[in-house]
Amino acid sequence: MAGIGTEHLDAQATAALADAFLAEDDVLRAARARAAENGLPVLPPAAGAALRFLAALLDARSVVEVGTGTGVTGIWLLRGMRPDGVLTSVDPDPDYQRTARTAYAEAGVPANRARLIAGRPIEVLPRLTDGGYDLMSVCADPLSYADFSREAPRLLRDGGVVVFADPTGRGAAAMRELGQSLVESEDFAPVLLPIGTGLLAATKRPAR
């Protein structure tokens, strides 16, 4: 990586460099291949690495994920969390969750570290513990993100982080509206990270 910063890189080259910086192993590549077989969009490796970084930075013990998919994002999150941390992942499709459970096992994740809940996130999230999560990762249908964002202040501890991603890149309008609502919110301090199609992240401010 000695060449970083020594020459100008355009956006495409920078994205390729970011994806290659932490190469995915066989387990992640297999989970990504299963997603492709099912026509399921997945975040690029650089976005997964960013989520792992955030989980490690927060020393996350409890993470809630909206959109289990085939387990790609969950594996990245689990690898950044504390060794005793628990990932709660919500997805309406139980078949995807069974596939994700296989991926977690292949990654050597103990079964008690992944709590998979099959159901509509808009119905499941209100039942989760107030202030019980260090990190909330949302990778689903951007048209529902405004609803999910309303649950984030209740679910996250002070200093916790919520991350929204649009793996398809087709939810730009919804993401812009969500971003503006976070900018105007007194609950969060947001940032838009130019990774993949964009990671919209925000940290929960303490009550004032």
C-alpha atoms as a PDB file:
ATOM      1  CA  MET A   1       0.000   0.000   0.000  1.00  0.00           C
ATOM      2  CA  ALA A   2       3.051   2.287  -0.205  1.00  0.00           C
ATOM      3  CA  GLY A   3       1.705   3.996  -3.305  1.00  0.00           C
ATOM      4  CA  ILE A   4      -1.352   5.473  -1.566  1.00  0.00           C
ATOM      5  CA  GLY A   5      -1.299   9.244  -1.787  1.00  0.00           C
ATOM      6  CA  THR A   6       1.558   9.406  -4.280  1.00  0.00           C
ATOM      7  CA  GLU A   7      -0.586   9.935  -7.338  1.00  0.00           C
ATOM      8  CA  HIS A   8      -4.048  11.167  -8.240  1.00  0.00           C
ATOM      9  CA  LEU A   9      -6.766   8.513  -8.251  1.00  0.00           C
ATOM     10  CA  ASP A  10     -10.151   9.022  -9.874  1.00  0.00           C
ATOM     11  CA  ALA A  11     -13.314   7.900  -8.087  1.00  0.00           C
ATOM     12  CA  GLN A  12     -13.445   4.522  -9.847  1.00  0.00           C
ATOM     13  CA  ALA A  13      -9.826   3.730  -9.069  1.00  0.00           C
ATOM     14  CA  THR A  14     -10.253   4.820  -5.460  1.00  0.00           C
ATOM     15  CA  ALA A  15     -13.289   2.542  -5.087  1.00  0.00           C
ATOM     16  CA  ALA A  16     -11.349  -0.395  -6.524  1.00  0.00           C
ATOM     17  CA  LEU A  17      -8.455   0.308  -4.166  1.00  0.00           C
ATOM     18  CA  ALA A  18     -10.819   0.458  -1.182  1.00  0.00           C
ATOM     19  CA  ASP A  19     -12.450  -2.865  -2.124  1.00  0.00           C
ATOM     20  CA  ALA A  20      -9.048  -4.537  -2.494  1.00  0.00           C
ATOM     21  CA  PHE A  21      -7.539  -3.041   0.681  1.00  0.00           C
ATOM     22  CA  LEU A  22      -9.051  -5.781   2.888  1.00  0.00           C
ATOM     23  CA  ALA A  23      -9.621  -8.745   0.609  1.00  0.00           C
ATOM     24  CA  GLU A  24     -12.562 -10.987   1.416  1.00  0.00           C
ATOM     25  CA  ASP A  25     -11.781 -14.565   2.388  1.00  0.00           C
ATOM     26  CA  ASP A  26     -13.348 -17.752   1.013  1.00  0.00           C
ATOM     27  CA  VAL A  27     -16.246 -17.605   3.484  1.00  0.00           C
ATOM     28  CA  LEU A  28     -17.274 -14.108   2.453  1.00  0.00           C
ATOM     29  CA  ARG A  29     -16.780 -14.853  -1.228  1.00  0.00           C
ATOM     30  CA  ALA A  30     -19.032 -17.919  -0.904  1.00  0.00           C
ATOM     31  CA  ALA A  31     -21.729 -15.882   0.860  1.00  0.00           C
ATOM     32  CA  ARG A  32     -21.450 -13.207  -1.821  1.00  0.00           C
ATOM     33  CA  ALA A  33     -21.789 -15.890  -4.542  1.00  0.00           C
ATOM     34  CA  ARG A  34     -24.985 -17.187  -2.883  1.00  0.00           C
ATOM     35  CA  ALA A  35     -26.374 -13.659  -2.934  1.00  0.00           C
ATOM     36  CA  ALA A  36     -25.605 -13.380  -6.649  1.00  0.00           C
ATOM     37  CA  GLU A  37     -27.341 -16.706  -7.299  1.00  0.00           C
ATOM     38  CA  ASN A  38     -30.462 -15.324  -5.629  1.00  0.00           C
ATOM     39  CA  GLY A  39     -30.273 -11.956  -7.378  1.00  0.00           C
ATOM     40  CA  LEU A  40     -29.727 -10.290  -4.013  1.00  0.00           C
ATOM     41  CA  PRO A  41     -27.710  -7.034  -4.003  1.00  0.00           C
ATOM     42  CA  VAL A  42     -24.793  -6.963  -1.559  1.00  0.00           C
ATOM     43  CA  LEU A  43     -22.622  -4.146  -0.246  1.00  0.00           C
ATOM     44  CA  PRO A  44     -19.082  -4.017  -1.691  1.00  0.00           C
ATOM     45  CA  PRO A  45     -16.137  -5.212   0.428  1.00  0.00           C
ATOM     46  CA  ALA A  46     -15.135  -1.641   1.318  1.00  0.00           C
ATOM     47  CA  ALA A  47     -18.555  -1.043   2.875  1.00  0.00           C
ATOM     48  CA  GLY A  48     -18.287  -4.293   4.829  1.00  0.00           C
ATOM     49  CA  ALA A  49     -14.860  -3.237   6.065  1.00  0.00           C
ATOM     50  CA  ALA A  50     -16.292   0.125   7.140  1.00  0.00           C
ATOM     51  CA  LEU A  51     -18.989  -1.638   9.162  1.00  0.00           C
ATOM     52  CA  ARG A  52     -16.386  -3.872  10.791  1.00  0.00           C
ATOM     53  CA  PHE A  53     -14.357  -0.765  11.639  1.00  0.00           C
ATOM     54  CA  LEU A  54     -17.357   0.933  13.244  1.00  0.00           C
ATOM     55  CA  ALA A  55     -18.232  -2.186  15.253  1.00  0.00           C
ATOM     56  CA  ALA A  56     -14.646  -2.383  16.513  1.00  0.00           C
ATOM     57  CA  LEU A  57     -14.466   1.361  17.212  1.00  0.00           C
ATOM     58  CA  LEU A  58     -17.614   1.144  19.318  1.00  0.00           C
ATOM     59  CA  ASP A  59     -16.380  -2.054  21.018  1.00  0.00           C
ATOM     60  CA  ALA A  60     -19.864  -3.241  20.097  1.00  0.00           C
ATOM     61  CA  ARG A  61     -21.438  -5.863  22.296  1.00  0.00           C
ATOM     62  CA  SER A  62     -24.916  -5.645  20.727  1.00  0.00           C
ATOM     63  CA  VAL A  63     -25.686  -4.854  17.082  1.00  0.00           C
ATOM     64  CA  VAL A  64     -29.019  -4.871  15.255  1.00  0.00           C
ATOM     65  CA  GLU A  65     -29.005  -5.501  11.511  1.00  0.00           C
ATOM     66  CA  VAL A  66     -31.951  -4.864   9.203  1.00  0.00           C
ATOM     67  CA  GLY A  67     -31.587  -7.056   6.126  1.00  0.00           C
ATOM     68  CA  THR A  68     -29.866 -10.382   6.822  1.00  0.00           C
ATOM     69  CA  GLY A  69     -29.348 -11.350   3.192  1.00  0.00           C
ATOM     70  CA  THR A  70     -26.961 -14.277   2.814  1.00  0.00           C
ATOM     71  CA  GLY A  71     -24.787 -13.209   5.731  1.00  0.00           C
ATOM     72  CA  VAL A  72     -22.119 -11.071   4.052  1.00  0.00           C
ATOM     73  CA  THR A  73     -22.767  -7.926   6.085  1.00  0.00           C
ATOM     74  CA  GLY A  74     -23.384  -9.920   9.255  1.00  0.00           C
ATOM     75  CA  ILE A  75     -19.984 -11.608   9.034  1.00  0.00           C
ATOM     76  CA  TRP A  76     -18.239  -8.256   8.635  1.00  0.00           C
ATOM     77  CA  LEU A  77     -20.127  -6.897  11.645  1.00  0.00           C
ATOM     78  CA  LEU A  78     -19.433  -9.953  13.806  1.00  0.00           C
ATOM     79  CA  ARG A  79     -15.731  -9.753  13.010  1.00  0.00           C
ATOM     80  CA  GLY A  80     -15.616  -6.205  14.357  1.00  0.00           C
ATOM     81  CA  MET A  81     -17.687  -6.829  17.480  1.00  0.00           C
ATOM     82  CA  ARG A  82     -16.497  -7.997  20.878  1.00  0.00           C
ATOM     83  CA  PRO A  83     -15.861 -11.764  21.120  1.00  0.00           C
ATOM     84  CA  ASP A  84     -18.952 -12.056  23.310  1.00  0.00           C
ATOM     85  CA  GLY A  85     -21.052  -9.707  21.169  1.00  0.00           C
ATOM     86  CA  VAL A  86     -24.431 -10.699  19.772  1.00  0.00           C
ATOM     87  CA  LEU A  87     -25.787  -9.751  16.362  1.00  0.00           C
ATOM     88  CA  THR A  88     -29.572  -9.460  16.085  1.00  0.00           C
ATOM     89  CA  SER A  89     -30.516  -9.675  12.421  1.00  0.00           C
ATOM     90  CA  VAL A  90     -34.023  -9.047  11.081  1.00  0.00           C
ATOM     91  CA  ASP A  91     -35.249 -10.118   7.658  1.00  0.00           C
ATOM     92  CA  PRO A  92     -38.695 -11.043   6.304  1.00  0.00           C
ATOM     93  CA  ASP A  93     -37.283 -13.985   4.324  1.00  0.00           C
ATOM     94  CA  PRO A  94     -36.516 -17.075   6.456  1.00  0.00           C
ATOM     95  CA  ASP A  95     -34.765 -18.756   3.516  1.00  0.00           C
ATOM     96  CA  TYR A  96     -32.151 -15.994   3.421  1.00  0.00           C
ATOM     97  CA  GLN A  97     -31.684 -16.367   7.155  1.00  0.00           C
ATOM     98  CA  ARG A  98     -31.071 -20.092   6.858  1.00  0.00           C
ATOM     99  CA  THR A  99     -28.455 -19.331   4.213  1.00  0.00           C
ATOM    100  CA  ALA A 100     -26.898 -16.692   6.468  1.00  0.00           C
ATOM    101  CA  ARG A 101     -26.794 -19.145   9.358  1.00  0.00           C
ATOM    102  CA  THR A 102     -24.747 -21.489   7.122  1.00  0.00           C
ATOM    103  CA  ALA A 103     -22.360 -18.638   6.311  1.00  0.00           C
ATOM    104  CA  TYR A 104     -21.922 -17.786   9.986  1.00  0.00           C
ATOM    105  CA  ALA A 105     -21.111 -21.423  10.759  1.00  0.00           C
ATOM    106  CA  GLU A 106     -18.561 -21.509   7.936  1.00  0.00           C
ATOM    107  CA  ALA A 107     -17.010 -18.372   9.444  1.00  0.00           C
ATOM    108  CA  GLY A 108     -16.683 -20.113  12.798  1.00  0.00           C
ATOM    109  CA  VAL A 109     -19.270 -17.914  14.521  1.00  0.00           C
ATOM    110  CA  PRO A 110     -20.825 -19.653  17.556  1.00  0.00           C
ATOM    111  CA  ALA A 111     -24.574 -20.106  17.149  1.00  0.00           C
ATOM    112  CA  ASN A 112     -25.311 -18.044  20.269  1.00  0.00           C
ATOM    113  CA  ARG A 113     -23.688 -14.953  18.755  1.00  0.00           C
ATOM    114  CA  ALA A 114     -26.316 -14.555  16.013  1.00  0.00           C
ATOM    115  CA  ARG A 115     -29.991 -14.052  16.838  1.00  0.00           C
ATOM    116  CA  LEU A 116     -31.983 -14.230  13.607  1.00  0.00           C
ATOM    117  CA  ILE A 117     -35.548 -12.918  13.631  1.00  0.00           C
ATOM    118  CA  ALA A 118     -37.745 -13.645  10.610  1.00  0.00           C
ATOM    119  CA  GLY A 119     -40.318 -10.896  10.204  1.00  0.00           C
ATOM    120  CA  ARG A 120     -41.044  -7.488   8.764  1.00  0.00           C
ATOM    121  CA  PRO A 121     -38.535  -5.048  10.289  1.00  0.00           C
ATOM    122  CA  ILE A 122     -41.192  -2.368  10.773  1.00  0.00           C
ATOM    123  CA  GLU A 123     -43.022  -4.828  13.060  1.00  0.00           C
ATOM    124  CA  VAL A 124     -39.966  -6.348  14.760  1.00  0.00           C
ATOM    125  CA  LEU A 125     -37.925  -3.229  15.582  1.00  0.00           C
ATOM    126  CA  PRO A 126     -40.518  -1.726  17.969  1.00  0.00           C
ATOM    127  CA  ARG A 127     -40.260  -4.905  20.073  1.00  0.00           C
ATOM    128  CA  LEU A 128     -36.499  -4.651  20.600  1.00  0.00           C
ATOM    129  CA  THR A 129     -34.929  -3.281  23.792  1.00  0.00           C
ATOM    130  CA  ASP A 130     -34.732   0.474  24.355  1.00  0.00           C
ATOM    131  CA  GLY A 131     -31.120   1.677  24.346  1.00  0.00           C
ATOM    132  CA  GLY A 132     -29.929  -1.893  23.926  1.00  0.00           C
ATOM    133  CA  TYR A 133     -27.706  -1.501  20.871  1.00  0.00           C
ATOM    134  CA  ASP A 134     -24.317  -0.005  20.100  1.00  0.00           C
ATOM    135  CA  LEU A 135     -24.760  -0.113  16.328  1.00  0.00           C
ATOM    136  CA  MET A 136     -27.672  -0.394  13.918  1.00  0.00           C
ATOM    137  CA  SER A 137     -26.947  -1.442  10.323  1.00  0.00           C
ATOM    138  CA  VAL A 138     -29.699  -1.044   7.725  1.00  0.00           C
ATOM    139  CA  CYS A 139     -29.333  -2.601   4.274  1.00  0.00           C
ATOM    140  CA  ALA A 140     -32.809  -3.183   2.873  1.00  0.00           C
ATOM    141  CA  ASP A 141     -35.402  -1.259   0.854  1.00  0.00           C
ATOM    142  CA  PRO A 142     -34.524   2.470   1.044  1.00  0.00           C
ATOM    143  CA  LEU A 143     -38.222   3.363   0.720  1.00  0.00           C
ATOM    144  CA  SER A 144     -38.668   2.029   4.269  1.00  0.00           C
ATOM    145  CA  TYR A 145     -35.641   3.795   5.744  1.00  0.00           C
ATOM    146  CA  ALA A 146     -37.585   6.769   7.072  1.00  0.00           C
ATOM    147  CA  ASP A 147     -39.632   4.352   9.197  1.00  0.00           C
ATOM    148  CA  PHE A 148     -36.524   2.548  10.430  1.00  0.00           C
ATOM    149  CA  SER A 149     -34.787   5.836  11.262  1.00  0.00           C
ATOM    150  CA  ARG A 150     -37.579   6.708  13.654  1.00  0.00           C
ATOM    151  CA  GLU A 151     -36.728   3.589  15.673  1.00  0.00           C
ATOM    152  CA  ALA A 152     -33.001   4.344  15.823  1.00  0.00           C
ATOM    153  CA  PRO A 153     -33.053   6.990  18.621  1.00  0.00           C
ATOM    154  CA  ARG A 154     -34.888   4.569  20.889  1.00  0.00           C
ATOM    155  CA  LEU A 155     -32.834   1.480  20.053  1.00  0.00           C
ATOM    156  CA  LEU A 156     -29.353   3.012  20.275  1.00  0.00           C
ATOM    157  CA  ARG A 157     -27.426   3.910  23.401  1.00  0.00           C
ATOM    158  CA  ASP A 158     -25.958   7.402  23.635  1.00  0.00           C
ATOM    159  CA  GLY A 159     -22.973   7.483  21.286  1.00  0.00           C
ATOM    160  CA  GLY A 160     -24.354   4.562  19.297  1.00  0.00           C
ATOM    161  CA  VAL A 161     -24.253   4.664  15.501  1.00  0.00           C
ATOM    162  CA  VAL A 162     -26.811   3.936  12.794  1.00  0.00           C
ATOM    163  CA  VAL A 163     -25.691   3.199   9.223  1.00  0.00           C
ATOM    164  CA  PHE A 164     -27.962   3.180   6.189  1.00  0.00           C
ATOM    165  CA  ALA A 165     -26.850   1.733   2.858  1.00  0.00           C
ATOM    166  CA  ASP A 166     -28.505   1.357  -0.527  1.00  0.00           C
ATOM    167  CA  PRO A 167     -26.929  -1.715  -2.138  1.00  0.00           C
ATOM    168  CA  THR A 168     -28.879  -1.274  -5.381  1.00  0.00           C
ATOM    169  CA  GLY A 169     -27.999   2.384  -5.886  1.00  0.00           C
ATOM    170  CA  ARG A 170     -31.587   2.973  -7.003  1.00  0.00           C
ATOM    171  CA  GLY A 171     -32.856   4.615  -3.820  1.00  0.00           C
ATOM    172  CA  ALA A 172     -31.043   7.926  -4.274  1.00  0.00           C
ATOM    173  CA  ALA A 173     -34.098  10.117  -3.685  1.00  0.00           C
ATOM    174  CA  ALA A 174     -35.080   8.276  -0.502  1.00  0.00           C
ATOM    175  CA  MET A 175     -31.491   8.413   0.761  1.00  0.00           C
ATOM    176  CA  ARG A 176     -31.303  12.165   0.099  1.00  0.00           C
ATOM    177  CA  GLU A 177     -34.515  12.740   2.038  1.00  0.00           C
ATOM    178  CA  LEU A 178     -33.274  10.573   4.886  1.00  0.00           C
ATOM    179  CA  GLY A 179     -29.954  12.397   4.918  1.00  0.00           C
ATOM    180  CA  GLN A 180     -31.680  15.749   5.139  1.00  0.00           C
ATOM    181  CA  SER A 181     -33.860  14.549   8.016  1.00  0.00           C
ATOM    182  CA  LEU A 182     -30.739  13.413   9.901  1.00  0.00           C
ATOM    183  CA  VAL A 183     -29.033  16.748   9.267  1.00  0.00           C
ATOM    184  CA  GLU A 184     -32.038  18.514  10.764  1.00  0.00           C
ATOM    185  CA  SER A 185     -32.413  16.075  13.673  1.00  0.00           C
ATOM    186  CA  GLU A 186     -31.348  17.084  17.166  1.00  0.00           C
ATOM    187  CA  ASP A 187     -30.858  13.409  18.008  1.00  0.00           C
ATOM    188  CA  PHE A 188     -28.012  12.682  15.584  1.00  0.00           C
ATOM    189  CA  ALA A 189     -24.756  13.975  14.128  1.00  0.00           C
ATOM    190  CA  PRO A 190     -24.630  12.513  10.586  1.00  0.00           C
ATOM    191  CA  VAL A 191     -21.999  11.960   7.910  1.00  0.00           C
ATOM    192  CA  LEU A 192     -22.203  10.641   4.341  1.00  0.00           C
ATOM    193  CA  LEU A 193     -19.298   8.337   3.564  1.00  0.00           C
ATOM    194  CA  PRO A 194     -18.443   7.922  -0.159  1.00  0.00           C
ATOM    195  CA  ILE A 195     -18.113   4.130  -0.010  1.00  0.00           C
ATOM    196  CA  GLY A 196     -19.918   1.972  -2.557  1.00  0.00           C
ATOM    197  CA  THR A 197     -23.168   3.770  -3.359  1.00  0.00           C
ATOM    198  CA  GLY A 198     -22.741   5.724  -0.122  1.00  0.00           C
ATOM    199  CA  LEU A 199     -22.997   4.927   3.582  1.00  0.00           C
ATOM    200  CA  LEU A 200     -25.172   7.352   5.506  1.00  0.00           C
ATOM    201  CA  ALA A 201     -24.075   7.162   9.142  1.00  0.00           C
ATOM    202  CA  ALA A 202     -25.098   9.072  12.243  1.00  0.00           C
ATOM    203  CA  THR A 203     -24.160   8.939  15.903  1.00  0.00           C
ATOM    204  CA  LYS A 204     -26.757   9.424  18.600  1.00  0.00           C
ATOM    205  CA  ARG A 205     -26.199  12.531  20.702  1.00  0.00           C
ATOM    206  CA  PRO A 206     -26.698  12.351  24.463  1.00  0.00           C
ATOM    207  CA  ALA A 207     -29.915  13.934  25.709  1.00  0.00           C
ATOM    208  CA  ARG A 208     -29.505  17.649  26.408  1.00  0.00           C
END
